[in-house]
Amino acid sequence: MSAASVLVSVIGAVAPVAALLADVLRGDADPLPQPAAVLRHRAADMLADAVREQWAAEFRNLRLQRQLASEPTPHAEDQRLHARR
């Protein structure tokens, strides 16, 4: 075995161990598994939040559309002024 192949083998073994150690020290390791009920509850809460945000955006959009529809357009206002002359 040549020195280069030994060096490659050592680096190949040390690199994953160093990465795992760095993850553990940073706290990036896999969290402890949580009960399925907790995960379902968290997912349901996230979905409810997303639905509330979507409905709020829809209501804002509808309100703005109604507001724009009730305001006279500049073109219509010009026509009314022309008709009065």
Protein backbone atom coordinates (compact mmCIF):
# COMPACT_ATOMS: atom_id res chain seq x y z
CA MET A 1 0.00 0.00 0.00
CA SER A 2 1.36 3.38 -0.89
CA ALA A 3 1.47 6.33 1.45
CA ALA A 4 -1.03 8.21 -0.73
CA SER A 5 -3.69 5.52 -0.45
CA VAL A 6 -3.23 5.37 3.32
CA LEU A 7 -3.58 9.13 3.53
CA VAL A 8 -6.76 9.07 1.44
CA SER A 9 -8.21 6.33 3.66
CA VAL A 10 -7.40 8.25 6.84
CA ILE A 11 -8.90 11.47 5.46
CA GLY A 12 -11.97 9.53 4.31
CA ALA A 13 -12.47 8.19 7.84
CA VAL A 14 -11.66 11.39 9.74
CA ALA A 15 -13.78 13.80 7.68
CA PRO A 16 -17.20 12.26 8.50
CA VAL A 17 -16.30 11.95 12.19
CA ALA A 18 -15.23 15.61 12.28
CA ALA A 19 -18.46 16.67 10.54
CA LEU A 20 -20.55 14.67 13.02
CA LEU A 21 -18.66 16.15 15.94
CA ALA A 22 -19.14 19.68 14.56
CA ASP A 23 -22.90 19.05 14.12
CA VAL A 24 -23.23 17.76 17.68
CA LEU A 25 -21.31 20.68 19.13
CA ARG A 26 -23.43 23.19 17.16
CA GLY A 27 -26.61 21.45 18.18
CA ASP A 28 -27.51 20.48 14.61
CA ALA A 29 -27.86 16.82 15.43
CA ASP A 30 -31.24 15.24 14.85
CA PRO A 31 -33.71 16.28 17.55
CA LEU A 32 -35.31 13.67 19.73
CA PRO A 33 -38.32 12.09 18.07
CA GLN A 34 -41.61 13.63 19.11
CA PRO A 35 -44.92 11.86 19.51
CA ALA A 36 -47.07 11.78 16.38
CA ALA A 37 -49.87 13.68 18.15
CA VAL A 38 -47.53 16.62 18.83
CA LEU A 39 -46.39 16.67 15.20
CA ARG A 40 -49.99 16.55 13.93
CA HIS A 41 -51.00 19.35 16.31
CA ARG A 42 -48.07 21.51 15.18
CA ALA A 43 -48.87 20.85 11.51
CA ALA A 44 -52.55 21.70 12.12
CA ASP A 45 -51.55 24.97 13.80
CA MET A 46 -49.28 25.88 10.90
CA LEU A 47 -52.05 25.11 8.42
CA ALA A 48 -54.56 27.18 10.40
CA ASP A 49 -52.13 30.12 10.43
CA ALA A 50 -51.62 29.84 6.69
CA VAL A 51 -55.39 29.72 6.07
CA ARG A 52 -55.93 32.79 8.28
CA GLU A 53 -53.26 34.69 6.37
CA GLN A 54 -54.78 33.66 3.04
CA TRP A 55 -58.30 34.72 4.10
CA ALA A 56 -56.96 38.05 5.37
CA ALA A 57 -55.26 38.64 2.02
CA GLU A 58 -58.47 37.69 0.17
CA PHE A 59 -60.54 40.10 2.26
CA ARG A 60 -58.01 42.92 1.73
CA ASN A 61 -58.09 42.25 -2.00
CA LEU A 62 -61.90 42.21 -2.09
CA ARG A 63 -62.08 45.43 -0.06
CA LEU A 64 -59.64 47.16 -2.41
CA GLN A 65 -61.53 45.94 -5.48
CA ARG A 66 -64.80 47.25 -4.08
CA GLN A 67 -63.16 50.54 -3.17
CA LEU A 68 -61.75 50.93 -6.67
CA ALA A 69 -65.08 50.00 -8.26
CA SER A 70 -66.94 52.64 -6.26
CA GLU A 71 -64.53 55.45 -7.16
CA PRO A 72 -65.23 57.18 -10.46
CA THR A 73 -62.52 56.79 -13.03
CA PRO A 74 -60.88 59.99 -14.29
CA HIS A 75 -62.27 59.25 -17.75
CA ALA A 76 -65.86 59.00 -16.46
CA GLU A 77 -65.42 62.22 -14.48
CA ASP A 78 -64.17 64.01 -17.61
CA GLN A 79 -67.22 62.81 -19.53
CA ARG A 80 -69.54 64.17 -16.83
CA LEU A 81 -67.82 67.53 -16.96
CA HIS A 82 -68.10 67.60 -20.75
CA ALA A 83 -71.80 66.77 -20.54
CA ARG A 84 -72.43 69.76 -18.22
CA ARG A 85 -70.95 72.27 -20.69
